[in-house]
All heavy atoms as atom14 arrays in JSON, in Angstrom:
{
  "sequence": "VEGDLERAIRELKAERDGEIEVAGPNLAHSLTELGLIDEYRIYLHPSC",
  "atom14_mask": [
    [1, 1, 1, 1, 1, 1, 1, 0, 0, 0, 0, 0, 0, 0],
    [1, 1, 1, 1, 1, 1, 1, 1, 1, 0, 0, 0, 0, 0],
    [1, 1, 1, 1, 0, 0, 0, 0, 0, 0, 0, 0, 0, 0],
    [1, 1, 1, 1, 1, 1, 1, 1, 0, 0, 0, 0, 0, 0],
    [1, 1, 1, 1, 1, 1, 1, 1, 0, 0, 0, 0, 0, 0],
    [1, 1, 1, 1, 1, 1, 1, 1, 1, 0, 0, 0, 0, 0],
    [1, 1, 1, 1, 1, 1, 1, 1, 1, 1, 1, 0, 0, 0],
    [1, 1, 1, 1, 1, 0, 0, 0, 0, 0, 0, 0, 0, 0],
    [1, 1, 1, 1, 1, 1, 1, 1, 0, 0, 0, 0, 0, 0],
    [1, 1, 1, 1, 1, 1, 1, 1, 1, 1, 1, 0, 0, 0],
    [1, 1, 1, 1, 1, 1, 1, 1, 1, 0, 0, 0, 0, 0],
    [1, 1, 1, 1, 1, 1, 1, 1, 0, 0, 0, 0, 0, 0],
    [1, 1, 1, 1, 1, 1, 1, 1, 1, 0, 0, 0, 0, 0],
    [1, 1, 1, 1, 1, 0, 0, 0, 0, 0, 0, 0, 0, 0],
    [1, 1, 1, 1, 1, 1, 1, 1, 1, 0, 0, 0, 0, 0],
    [1, 1, 1, 1, 1, 1, 1, 1, 1, 1, 1, 0, 0, 0],
    [1, 1, 1, 1, 1, 1, 1, 1, 0, 0, 0, 0, 0, 0],
    [1, 1, 1, 1, 0, 0, 0, 0, 0, 0, 0, 0, 0, 0],
    [1, 1, 1, 1, 1, 1, 1, 1, 1, 0, 0, 0, 0, 0],
    [1, 1, 1, 1, 1, 1, 1, 1, 0, 0, 0, 0, 0, 0],
    [1, 1, 1, 1, 1, 1, 1, 1, 1, 0, 0, 0, 0, 0],
    [1, 1, 1, 1, 1, 1, 1, 0, 0, 0, 0, 0, 0, 0],
    [1, 1, 1, 1, 1, 0, 0, 0, 0, 0, 0, 0, 0, 0],
    [1, 1, 1, 1, 0, 0, 0, 0, 0, 0, 0, 0, 0, 0],
    [1, 1, 1, 1, 1, 1, 1, 0, 0, 0, 0, 0, 0, 0],
    [1, 1, 1, 1, 1, 1, 1, 1, 0, 0, 0, 0, 0, 0],
    [1, 1, 1, 1, 1, 1, 1, 1, 0, 0, 0, 0, 0, 0],
    [1, 1, 1, 1, 1, 0, 0, 0, 0, 0, 0, 0, 0, 0],
    [1, 1, 1, 1, 1, 1, 1, 1, 1, 1, 0, 0, 0, 0],
    [1, 1, 1, 1, 1, 1, 0, 0, 0, 0, 0, 0, 0, 0],
    [1, 1, 1, 1, 1, 1, 1, 1, 0, 0, 0, 0, 0, 0],
    [1, 1, 1, 1, 1, 1, 1, 0, 0, 0, 0, 0, 0, 0],
    [1, 1, 1, 1, 1, 1, 1, 1, 1, 0, 0, 0, 0, 0],
    [1, 1, 1, 1, 1, 1, 1, 1, 0, 0, 0, 0, 0, 0],
    [1, 1, 1, 1, 0, 0, 0, 0, 0, 0, 0, 0, 0, 0],
    [1, 1, 1, 1, 1, 1, 1, 1, 0, 0, 0, 0, 0, 0],
    [1, 1, 1, 1, 1, 1, 1, 1, 0, 0, 0, 0, 0, 0],
    [1, 1, 1, 1, 1, 1, 1, 1, 0, 0, 0, 0, 0, 0],
    [1, 1, 1, 1, 1, 1, 1, 1, 1, 0, 0, 0, 0, 0],
    [1, 1, 1, 1, 1, 1, 1, 1, 1, 1, 1, 1, 0, 0],
    [1, 1, 1, 1, 1, 1, 1, 1, 1, 1, 1, 0, 0, 0],
    [1, 1, 1, 1, 1, 1, 1, 1, 0, 0, 0, 0, 0, 0],
    [1, 1, 1, 1, 1, 1, 1, 1, 1, 1, 1, 1, 0, 0],
    [1, 1, 1, 1, 1, 1, 1, 1, 0, 0, 0, 0, 0, 0],
    [1, 1, 1, 1, 1, 1, 1, 1, 1, 1, 0, 0, 0, 0],
    [1, 1, 1, 1, 1, 1, 1, 0, 0, 0, 0, 0, 0, 0],
    [1, 1, 1, 1, 1, 1, 0, 0, 0, 0, 0, 0, 0, 0],
    [1, 1, 1, 1, 1, 1, 0, 0, 0, 0, 0, 0, 0, 0]
  ],
  "atom14_positions": [
    [[0.77, -1.18, -0.01], [0.1, -0.06, -0.01], [0.9, 1.23, -0.02], [1.77, 1.44, 0.89], [-0.91, -0.02, 1.2], [-1.7, 1.35, 1.31], [-1.88, -1.25, 1.14], [0.0, 0.0, 0.0], [0.0, 0.0, 0.0], [0.0, 0.0, 0.0], [0.0, 0.0, 0.0], [0.0, 0.0, 0.0], [0.0, 0.0, 0.0], [0.0, 0.0, 0.0]],
    [[0.63, 2.12, -0.93], [1.35, 3.35, -1.09], [0.32, 4.57, -1.16], [-0.67, 4.28, -1.71], [2.29, 3.36, -2.23], [3.38, 2.3, -2.19], [4.29, 2.35, -3.42], [3.68, 2.35, -4.51], [5.47, 2.44, -3.3], [0.0, 0.0, 0.0], [0.0, 0.0, 0.0], [0.0, 0.0, 0.0], [0.0, 0.0, 0.0], [0.0, 0.0, 0.0]],
    [[0.56, 5.56, -0.59], [-0.31, 6.66, -0.62], [-1.35, 6.75, 0.53], [-1.08, 6.49, 1.6], [0.0, 0.0, 0.0], [0.0, 0.0, 0.0], [0.0, 0.0, 0.0], [0.0, 0.0, 0.0], [0.0, 0.0, 0.0], [0.0, 0.0, 0.0], [0.0, 0.0, 0.0], [0.0, 0.0, 0.0], [0.0, 0.0, 0.0], [0.0, 0.0, 0.0]],
    [[-2.63, 6.78, 0.08], [-3.71, 6.88, 1.16], [-4.03, 5.63, 1.78], [-4.75, 4.72, 1.2], [-4.95, 7.45, 0.38], [-6.1, 7.75, 1.31], [-6.04, 7.55, 2.42], [-7.04, 8.31, 0.67], [0.0, 0.0, 0.0], [0.0, 0.0, 0.0], [0.0, 0.0, 0.0], [0.0, 0.0, 0.0], [0.0, 0.0, 0.0], [0.0, 0.0, 0.0]],
    [[-3.56, 5.36, 2.91], [-3.77, 4.14, 3.81], [-5.23, 3.84, 4.03], [-5.73, 2.82, 3.64], [-2.99, 4.1, 5.1], [-3.11, 2.92, 6.06], [-2.66, 1.67, 5.31], [-2.45, 3.29, 7.2], [0.0, 0.0, 0.0], [0.0, 0.0, 0.0], [0.0, 0.0, 0.0], [0.0, 0.0, 0.0], [0.0, 0.0, 0.0], [0.0, 0.0, 0.0]],
    [[-5.98, 4.93, 4.44], [-7.39, 4.69, 4.73], [-8.13, 4.27, 3.56], [-8.86, 3.29, 3.53], [-8.0, 5.95, 5.24], [-9.42, 5.81, 5.63], [-10.07, 7.09, 6.32], [-9.38, 8.11, 6.25], [-11.19, 7.0, 6.78], [0.0, 0.0, 0.0], [0.0, 0.0, 0.0], [0.0, 0.0, 0.0], [0.0, 0.0, 0.0], [0.0, 0.0, 0.0]],
    [[-7.92, 4.84, 2.41], [-8.71, 4.42, 1.16], [-8.25, 3.03, 0.71], [-9.2, 2.24, 0.43], [-8.36, 5.42, 0.12], [-9.05, 5.11, -1.23], [-8.71, 6.25, -2.28], [-9.12, 5.56, -3.54], [-8.33, 5.83, -4.65], [-7.11, 6.49, -4.55], [-8.72, 5.4, -5.73], [0.0, 0.0, 0.0], [0.0, 0.0, 0.0], [0.0, 0.0, 0.0]],
    [[-7.02, 2.66, 0.87], [-6.55, 1.5, 0.47], [-7.28, 0.3, 1.3], [-7.64, -0.65, 0.72], [-5.04, 1.27, 0.46], [0.0, 0.0, 0.0], [0.0, 0.0, 0.0], [0.0, 0.0, 0.0], [0.0, 0.0, 0.0], [0.0, 0.0, 0.0], [0.0, 0.0, 0.0], [0.0, 0.0, 0.0], [0.0, 0.0, 0.0], [0.0, 0.0, 0.0]],
    [[-7.24, 0.53, 2.67], [-7.95, -0.39, 3.53], [-9.4, -0.52, 3.41], [-9.92, -1.64, 3.38], [-7.42, -0.05, 4.94], [-5.94, -0.11, 5.1], [-8.08, -1.18, 5.93], [-5.27, -1.48, 4.71], [0.0, 0.0, 0.0], [0.0, 0.0, 0.0], [0.0, 0.0, 0.0], [0.0, 0.0, 0.0], [0.0, 0.0, 0.0], [0.0, 0.0, 0.0]],
    [[-10.1, 0.54, 3.15], [-11.48, 0.53, 2.97], [-11.79, -0.33, 1.71], [-12.74, -0.97, 1.67], [-12.1, 1.99, 2.84], [-12.09, 2.61, 4.25], [-12.91, 3.84, 4.31], [-12.78, 4.53, 5.6], [-13.39, 4.18, 6.75], [-14.22, 3.16, 6.69], [-13.3, 4.94, 7.87], [0.0, 0.0, 0.0], [0.0, 0.0, 0.0], [0.0, 0.0, 0.0]],
    [[-11.01, -0.11, 0.68], [-11.2, -0.85, -0.65], [-10.95, -2.29, -0.25], [-11.74, -3.2, -0.81], [-10.32, -0.38, -1.63], [-10.62, 0.94, -2.24], [-9.63, 1.52, -3.2], [-8.56, 0.8, -3.51], [-9.71, 2.64, -3.74], [0.0, 0.0, 0.0], [0.0, 0.0, 0.0], [0.0, 0.0, 0.0], [0.0, 0.0, 0.0], [0.0, 0.0, 0.0]],
    [[-9.93, -2.59, 0.37], [-9.54, -4.04, 0.7], [-10.81, -4.72, 1.48], [-11.23, -5.81, 1.21], [-8.3, -4.04, 1.47], [-7.86, -5.49, 1.82], [-7.5, -6.2, 0.59], [-6.64, -5.37, 2.76], [0.0, 0.0, 0.0], [0.0, 0.0, 0.0], [0.0, 0.0, 0.0], [0.0, 0.0, 0.0], [0.0, 0.0, 0.0], [0.0, 0.0, 0.0]],
    [[-11.32, -3.92, 2.5], [-12.4, -4.6, 3.31], [-13.67, -4.78, 2.4], [-14.37, -5.63, 2.62], [-12.71, -3.55, 4.41], [-11.59, -3.66, 5.53], [-11.93, -2.64, 6.75], [-12.92, -3.22, 7.5], [-13.09, -2.47, 8.85], [0.0, 0.0, 0.0], [0.0, 0.0, 0.0], [0.0, 0.0, 0.0], [0.0, 0.0, 0.0], [0.0, 0.0, 0.0]],
    [[-13.84, -3.74, 1.39], [-15.0, -3.96, 0.53], [-14.89, -5.11, -0.36], [-15.85, -5.77, -0.73], [-15.33, -2.68, -0.12], [0.0, 0.0, 0.0], [0.0, 0.0, 0.0], [0.0, 0.0, 0.0], [0.0, 0.0, 0.0], [0.0, 0.0, 0.0], [0.0, 0.0, 0.0], [0.0, 0.0, 0.0], [0.0, 0.0, 0.0], [0.0, 0.0, 0.0]],
    [[-13.79, -5.31, -0.82], [-13.38, -6.44, -1.71], [-13.56, -7.91, -1.05], [-13.82, -8.84, -1.79], [-11.99, -6.32, -2.36], [-11.69, -5.07, -3.23], [-10.26, -5.04, -3.59], [-9.42, -5.82, -3.21], [-9.93, -4.01, -4.29], [0.0, 0.0, 0.0], [0.0, 0.0, 0.0], [0.0, 0.0, 0.0], [0.0, 0.0, 0.0], [0.0, 0.0, 0.0]],
    [[-13.28, -7.98, 0.1], [-13.1, -9.35, 0.83], [-14.28, -9.56, 1.73], [-14.81, -8.69, 2.41], [-11.76, -9.28, 1.61], [-10.59, -9.01, 0.86], [-10.13, -10.22, 0.15], [-8.81, -9.99, -0.47], [-8.64, -9.92, -1.77], [-9.64, -10.1, -2.69], [-7.46, -9.69, -2.23], [0.0, 0.0, 0.0], [0.0, 0.0, 0.0], [0.0, 0.0, 0.0]],
    [[-14.66, -10.84, 1.75], [-15.61, -11.35, 2.82], [-14.62, -12.01, 3.98], [-13.6, -12.48, 3.52], [-16.5, -12.34, 2.45], [-17.57, -11.67, 1.4], [-17.84, -10.57, 1.65], [-18.08, -12.38, 0.55], [0.0, 0.0, 0.0], [0.0, 0.0, 0.0], [0.0, 0.0, 0.0], [0.0, 0.0, 0.0], [0.0, 0.0, 0.0], [0.0, 0.0, 0.0]],
    [[-15.06, -11.89, 5.12], [-14.26, -12.49, 6.15], [-13.31, -11.57, 6.92], [-13.51, -10.41, 6.88], [0.0, 0.0, 0.0], [0.0, 0.0, 0.0], [0.0, 0.0, 0.0], [0.0, 0.0, 0.0], [0.0, 0.0, 0.0], [0.0, 0.0, 0.0], [0.0, 0.0, 0.0], [0.0, 0.0, 0.0], [0.0, 0.0, 0.0], [0.0, 0.0, 0.0]],
    [[-12.27, -12.2, 7.48], [-11.33, -11.31, 8.32], [-10.07, -11.04, 7.55], [-9.68, -11.68, 6.69], [-10.96, -12.29, 9.48], [-12.15, -12.66, 10.36], [-11.76, -13.56, 11.45], [-10.59, -14.1, 11.5], [-12.55, -13.94, 12.28], [0.0, 0.0, 0.0], [0.0, 0.0, 0.0], [0.0, 0.0, 0.0], [0.0, 0.0, 0.0], [0.0, 0.0, 0.0]],
    [[-9.63, -9.82, 7.85], [-8.27, -9.33, 7.43], [-7.42, -9.24, 8.66], [-7.77, -8.46, 9.61], [-8.44, -8.02, 6.79], [-9.35, -8.17, 5.45], [-7.14, -7.53, 6.34], [-9.72, -6.85, 4.94], [0.0, 0.0, 0.0], [0.0, 0.0, 0.0], [0.0, 0.0, 0.0], [0.0, 0.0, 0.0], [0.0, 0.0, 0.0], [0.0, 0.0, 0.0]],
    [[-6.26, -9.94, 8.73], [-5.34, -9.88, 9.86], [-4.29, -8.71, 9.67], [-3.92, -8.53, 8.58], [-4.79, -11.2, 10.08], [-5.72, -12.2, 10.45], [-5.0, -13.55, 10.62], [-3.78, -13.66, 10.86], [-5.68, -14.67, 10.7], [0.0, 0.0, 0.0], [0.0, 0.0, 0.0], [0.0, 0.0, 0.0], [0.0, 0.0, 0.0], [0.0, 0.0, 0.0]],
    [[-4.16, -8.1, 10.76], [-2.98, -7.11, 10.69], [-1.95, -7.46, 11.76], [-2.31, -7.81, 12.85], [-3.78, -5.71, 11.18], [-2.76, -4.69, 11.34], [-4.72, -5.3, 10.19], [0.0, 0.0, 0.0], [0.0, 0.0, 0.0], [0.0, 0.0, 0.0], [0.0, 0.0, 0.0], [0.0, 0.0, 0.0], [0.0, 0.0, 0.0], [0.0, 0.0, 0.0]],
    [[-0.87, -7.36, 11.39], [0.37, -7.61, 12.37], [1.14, -6.39, 12.57], [1.4, -5.59, 11.52], [1.05, -8.78, 11.84], [0.0, 0.0, 0.0], [0.0, 0.0, 0.0], [0.0, 0.0, 0.0], [0.0, 0.0, 0.0], [0.0, 0.0, 0.0], [0.0, 0.0, 0.0], [0.0, 0.0, 0.0], [0.0, 0.0, 0.0], [0.0, 0.0, 0.0]],
    [[1.65, -6.24, 13.7], [2.58, -5.04, 13.96], [1.87, -3.93, 14.62], [0.83, -3.55, 14.27], [0.0, 0.0, 0.0], [0.0, 0.0, 0.0], [0.0, 0.0, 0.0], [0.0, 0.0, 0.0], [0.0, 0.0, 0.0], [0.0, 0.0, 0.0], [0.0, 0.0, 0.0], [0.0, 0.0, 0.0], [0.0, 0.0, 0.0], [0.0, 0.0, 0.0]],
    [[2.52, -3.38, 15.66], [1.95, -2.34, 16.47], [1.82, -1.08, 15.7], [0.86, -0.33, 15.88], [2.94, -2.24, 17.7], [4.24, -2.72, 17.17], [3.85, -3.72, 16.18], [0.0, 0.0, 0.0], [0.0, 0.0, 0.0], [0.0, 0.0, 0.0], [0.0, 0.0, 0.0], [0.0, 0.0, 0.0], [0.0, 0.0, 0.0], [0.0, 0.0, 0.0]],
    [[2.68, -0.78, 14.71], [2.63, 0.58, 14.04], [1.47, 0.54, 13.07], [0.64, 1.52, 13.02], [3.85, 0.85, 13.31], [5.17, 1.07, 14.29], [5.01, 1.48, 15.36], [6.3, 0.82, 13.74], [0.0, 0.0, 0.0], [0.0, 0.0, 0.0], [0.0, 0.0, 0.0], [0.0, 0.0, 0.0], [0.0, 0.0, 0.0], [0.0, 0.0, 0.0]],
    [[1.28, -0.61, 12.28], [0.16, -0.63, 11.46], [-1.15, -0.62, 12.18], [-2.17, 0.0, 11.89], [0.2, -1.88, 10.57], [-0.86, -1.94, 9.49], [-1.06, -0.7, 8.69], [-0.69, -3.21, 8.61], [0.0, 0.0, 0.0], [0.0, 0.0, 0.0], [0.0, 0.0, 0.0], [0.0, 0.0, 0.0], [0.0, 0.0, 0.0], [0.0, 0.0, 0.0]],
    [[-1.22, -1.41, 13.22], [-2.35, -1.52, 14.04], [-2.8, -0.14, 14.61], [-3.97, 0.25, 14.6], [-2.26, -2.65, 15.2], [0.0, 0.0, 0.0], [0.0, 0.0, 0.0], [0.0, 0.0, 0.0], [0.0, 0.0, 0.0], [0.0, 0.0, 0.0], [0.0, 0.0, 0.0], [0.0, 0.0, 0.0], [0.0, 0.0, 0.0], [0.0, 0.0, 0.0]],
    [[-1.84, 0.6, 15.07], [-2.07, 1.9, 15.68], [-2.62, 2.79, 14.63], [-3.74, 3.62, 14.87], [-0.7, 2.49, 16.26], [-0.9, 3.99, 16.74], [-1.61, 4.23, 17.96], [-0.62, 5.05, 16.23], [-1.65, 5.56, 18.02], [-0.95, 6.08, 17.12], [0.0, 0.0, 0.0], [0.0, 0.0, 0.0], [0.0, 0.0, 0.0], [0.0, 0.0, 0.0]],
    [[-2.04, 2.81, 13.42], [-2.5, 3.66, 12.31], [-3.95, 3.29, 11.88], [-4.78, 4.28, 11.76], [-1.57, 3.43, 11.15], [-0.34, 4.02, 11.4], [0.0, 0.0, 0.0], [0.0, 0.0, 0.0], [0.0, 0.0, 0.0], [0.0, 0.0, 0.0], [0.0, 0.0, 0.0], [0.0, 0.0, 0.0], [0.0, 0.0, 0.0], [0.0, 0.0, 0.0]],
    [[-4.21, 2.16, 11.84], [-5.65, 1.69, 11.54], [-6.63, 2.0, 12.58], [-7.77, 2.35, 12.36], [-5.72, 0.25, 11.11], [-4.87, -0.21, 9.86], [-4.97, -1.72, 9.63], [-5.26, 0.51, 8.68], [0.0, 0.0, 0.0], [0.0, 0.0, 0.0], [0.0, 0.0, 0.0], [0.0, 0.0, 0.0], [0.0, 0.0, 0.0], [0.0, 0.0, 0.0]],
    [[-6.13, 1.93, 13.91], [-7.01, 2.29, 14.91], [-7.38, 3.73, 14.88], [-8.5, 4.14, 15.01], [-6.31, 1.97, 16.33], [-6.08, 0.57, 16.5], [-7.17, 2.35, 17.54], [0.0, 0.0, 0.0], [0.0, 0.0, 0.0], [0.0, 0.0, 0.0], [0.0, 0.0, 0.0], [0.0, 0.0, 0.0], [0.0, 0.0, 0.0], [0.0, 0.0, 0.0]],
    [[-6.35, 4.57, 14.69], [-6.45, 5.98, 14.4], [-7.5, 6.35, 13.44], [-8.29, 7.31, 13.61], [-5.14, 6.71, 14.27], [-4.22, 6.63, 15.34], [-4.48, 7.67, 16.37], [-4.59, 8.81, 16.09], [-4.55, 7.25, 17.54], [0.0, 0.0, 0.0], [0.0, 0.0, 0.0], [0.0, 0.0, 0.0], [0.0, 0.0, 0.0], [0.0, 0.0, 0.0]],
    [[-7.51, 5.55, 12.26], [-8.54, 5.75, 11.25], [-9.89, 5.17, 11.51], [-10.79, 5.17, 10.65], [-7.97, 5.12, 9.94], [-6.61, 5.83, 9.48], [-5.92, 5.1, 8.33], [-7.07, 7.29, 8.99], [0.0, 0.0, 0.0], [0.0, 0.0, 0.0], [0.0, 0.0, 0.0], [0.0, 0.0, 0.0], [0.0, 0.0, 0.0], [0.0, 0.0, 0.0]],
    [[-10.0, 4.41, 12.61], [-11.27, 3.71, 12.95], [-11.59, 2.59, 12.11], [-12.77, 2.22, 11.81], [0.0, 0.0, 0.0], [0.0, 0.0, 0.0], [0.0, 0.0, 0.0], [0.0, 0.0, 0.0], [0.0, 0.0, 0.0], [0.0, 0.0, 0.0], [0.0, 0.0, 0.0], [0.0, 0.0, 0.0], [0.0, 0.0, 0.0], [0.0, 0.0, 0.0]],
    [[-10.56, 1.9, 11.7], [-10.66, 0.72, 10.7], [-10.62, -0.64, 11.38], [-10.62, -1.69, 10.72], [-9.77, 0.78, 9.61], [-10.03, 2.03, 8.6], [-8.82, 2.28, 7.64], [-11.13, 1.89, 7.96], [0.0, 0.0, 0.0], [0.0, 0.0, 0.0], [0.0, 0.0, 0.0], [0.0, 0.0, 0.0], [0.0, 0.0, 0.0], [0.0, 0.0, 0.0]],
    [[-10.34, -0.68, 12.72], [-10.16, -2.02, 13.39], [-11.56, -2.37, 14.02], [-12.17, -1.6, 14.74], [-9.15, -1.9, 14.45], [-7.8, -1.56, 13.93], [-9.04, -3.17, 15.35], [-7.13, -2.5, 13.09], [0.0, 0.0, 0.0], [0.0, 0.0, 0.0], [0.0, 0.0, 0.0], [0.0, 0.0, 0.0], [0.0, 0.0, 0.0], [0.0, 0.0, 0.0]],
    [[-11.98, -3.57, 13.53], [-13.36, -4.03, 14.04], [-13.21, -4.78, 15.33], [-14.07, -4.82, 16.1], [-14.06, -4.8, 12.98], [-14.37, -4.02, 11.76], [-14.6, -2.79, 11.81], [-14.24, -4.49, 10.69], [0.0, 0.0, 0.0], [0.0, 0.0, 0.0], [0.0, 0.0, 0.0], [0.0, 0.0, 0.0], [0.0, 0.0, 0.0], [0.0, 0.0, 0.0]],
    [[-12.08, -5.44, 15.55], [-12.03, -6.41, 16.58], [-10.5, -6.49, 16.81], [-9.66, -6.74, 15.92], [-12.56, -7.84, 16.2], [-12.48, -8.89, 17.22], [-13.04, -10.1, 16.81], [-14.0, -10.23, 15.96], [-12.55, -11.25, 17.2], [0.0, 0.0, 0.0], [0.0, 0.0, 0.0], [0.0, 0.0, 0.0], [0.0, 0.0, 0.0], [0.0, 0.0, 0.0]],
    [[-10.27, -6.68, 18.08], [-8.81, -6.89, 18.59], [-8.66, -8.32, 19.27], [-9.53, -8.76, 19.87], [-8.35, -5.94, 19.8], [-8.29, -4.55, 19.23], [-9.35, -3.7, 19.28], [-7.18, -4.07, 18.76], [-9.34, -2.27, 18.98], [-7.08, -2.77, 18.27], [-8.15, -1.87, 18.33], [-8.09, -0.53, 17.91], [0.0, 0.0, 0.0], [0.0, 0.0, 0.0]],
    [[-7.63, -8.94, 18.79], [-7.23, -10.33, 19.42], [-5.83, -10.18, 19.82], [-4.93, -9.94, 18.99], [-7.54, -11.39, 18.28], [-8.78, -11.6, 17.92], [-8.95, -12.75, 16.99], [-10.24, -12.94, 16.46], [-10.63, -13.56, 15.47], [-9.82, -14.41, 14.91], [-11.83, -13.59, 14.94], [0.0, 0.0, 0.0], [0.0, 0.0, 0.0], [0.0, 0.0, 0.0]],
    [[-5.5, -10.44, 21.07], [-4.3, -10.29, 21.68], [-3.78, -11.79, 21.83], [-4.42, -12.62, 22.34], [-4.21, -9.75, 22.98], [-4.94, -8.25, 22.91], [-2.79, -9.67, 23.51], [-4.25, -7.3, 21.92], [0.0, 0.0, 0.0], [0.0, 0.0, 0.0], [0.0, 0.0, 0.0], [0.0, 0.0, 0.0], [0.0, 0.0, 0.0], [0.0, 0.0, 0.0]],
    [[-2.53, -12.01, 21.09], [-1.91, -13.35, 21.33], [-0.66, -13.26, 22.18], [0.16, -12.46, 21.74], [-1.61, -14.01, 19.89], [-2.83, -14.35, 19.1], [-3.32, -13.45, 18.14], [-3.47, -15.4, 19.35], [-4.36, -13.73, 17.45], [-4.65, -15.78, 18.59], [-5.04, -14.8, 17.64], [-6.19, -15.24, 16.94], [0.0, 0.0, 0.0], [0.0, 0.0, 0.0]],
    [[-0.63, -13.88, 23.21], [0.61, -13.94, 24.1], [1.28, -15.28, 23.91], [0.85, -16.33, 23.8], [0.29, -13.66, 25.42], [-0.43, -12.41, 25.83], [-0.85, -12.44, 27.4], [0.33, -11.24, 25.53], [0.0, 0.0, 0.0], [0.0, 0.0, 0.0], [0.0, 0.0, 0.0], [0.0, 0.0, 0.0], [0.0, 0.0, 0.0], [0.0, 0.0, 0.0]],
    [[2.68, -15.11, 23.64], [3.51, -16.3, 23.55], [4.53, -16.34, 24.83], [5.66, -15.69, 24.63], [4.25, -16.3, 22.29], [3.25, -16.28, 21.03], [2.82, -17.42, 20.61], [2.9, -15.34, 20.37], [2.07, -17.14, 19.55], [2.12, -15.78, 19.42], [0.0, 0.0, 0.0], [0.0, 0.0, 0.0], [0.0, 0.0, 0.0], [0.0, 0.0, 0.0]],
    [[4.03, -16.85, 25.86], [4.98, -16.86, 27.09], [6.23, -17.71, 26.84], [6.19, -18.68, 26.1], [4.1, -17.43, 28.25], [2.89, -18.0, 27.56], [2.84, -17.47, 26.21], [0.0, 0.0, 0.0], [0.0, 0.0, 0.0], [0.0, 0.0, 0.0], [0.0, 0.0, 0.0], [0.0, 0.0, 0.0], [0.0, 0.0, 0.0], [0.0, 0.0, 0.0]],
    [[7.23, -17.25, 27.37], [8.49, -17.98, 27.25], [9.29, -17.98, 28.54], [9.0, -17.2, 29.47], [9.47, -17.5, 26.22], [9.83, -16.16, 26.44], [0.0, 0.0, 0.0], [0.0, 0.0, 0.0], [0.0, 0.0, 0.0], [0.0, 0.0, 0.0], [0.0, 0.0, 0.0], [0.0, 0.0, 0.0], [0.0, 0.0, 0.0], [0.0, 0.0, 0.0]],
    [[10.01, -18.97, 28.8], [10.79, -19.13, 30.12], [12.25, -19.32, 29.77], [12.63, -20.29, 28.94], [10.15, -20.26, 30.85], [11.03, -20.51, 32.45], [0.0, 0.0, 0.0], [0.0, 0.0, 0.0], [0.0, 0.0, 0.0], [0.0, 0.0, 0.0], [0.0, 0.0, 0.0], [0.0, 0.0, 0.0], [0.0, 0.0, 0.0], [0.0, 0.0, 0.0]]
  ]
}
């Protein structure tokens, strides 16, 4: 995606049925700011 992130993600959501996964805190933050995140799922991978 280059240019207008909001437009690109709205187009992607309109084209697809089902879920679109987002990885990475920076992208997730940007999409949150644009109001494009419908659901959050937090995955923890504990290690010892």
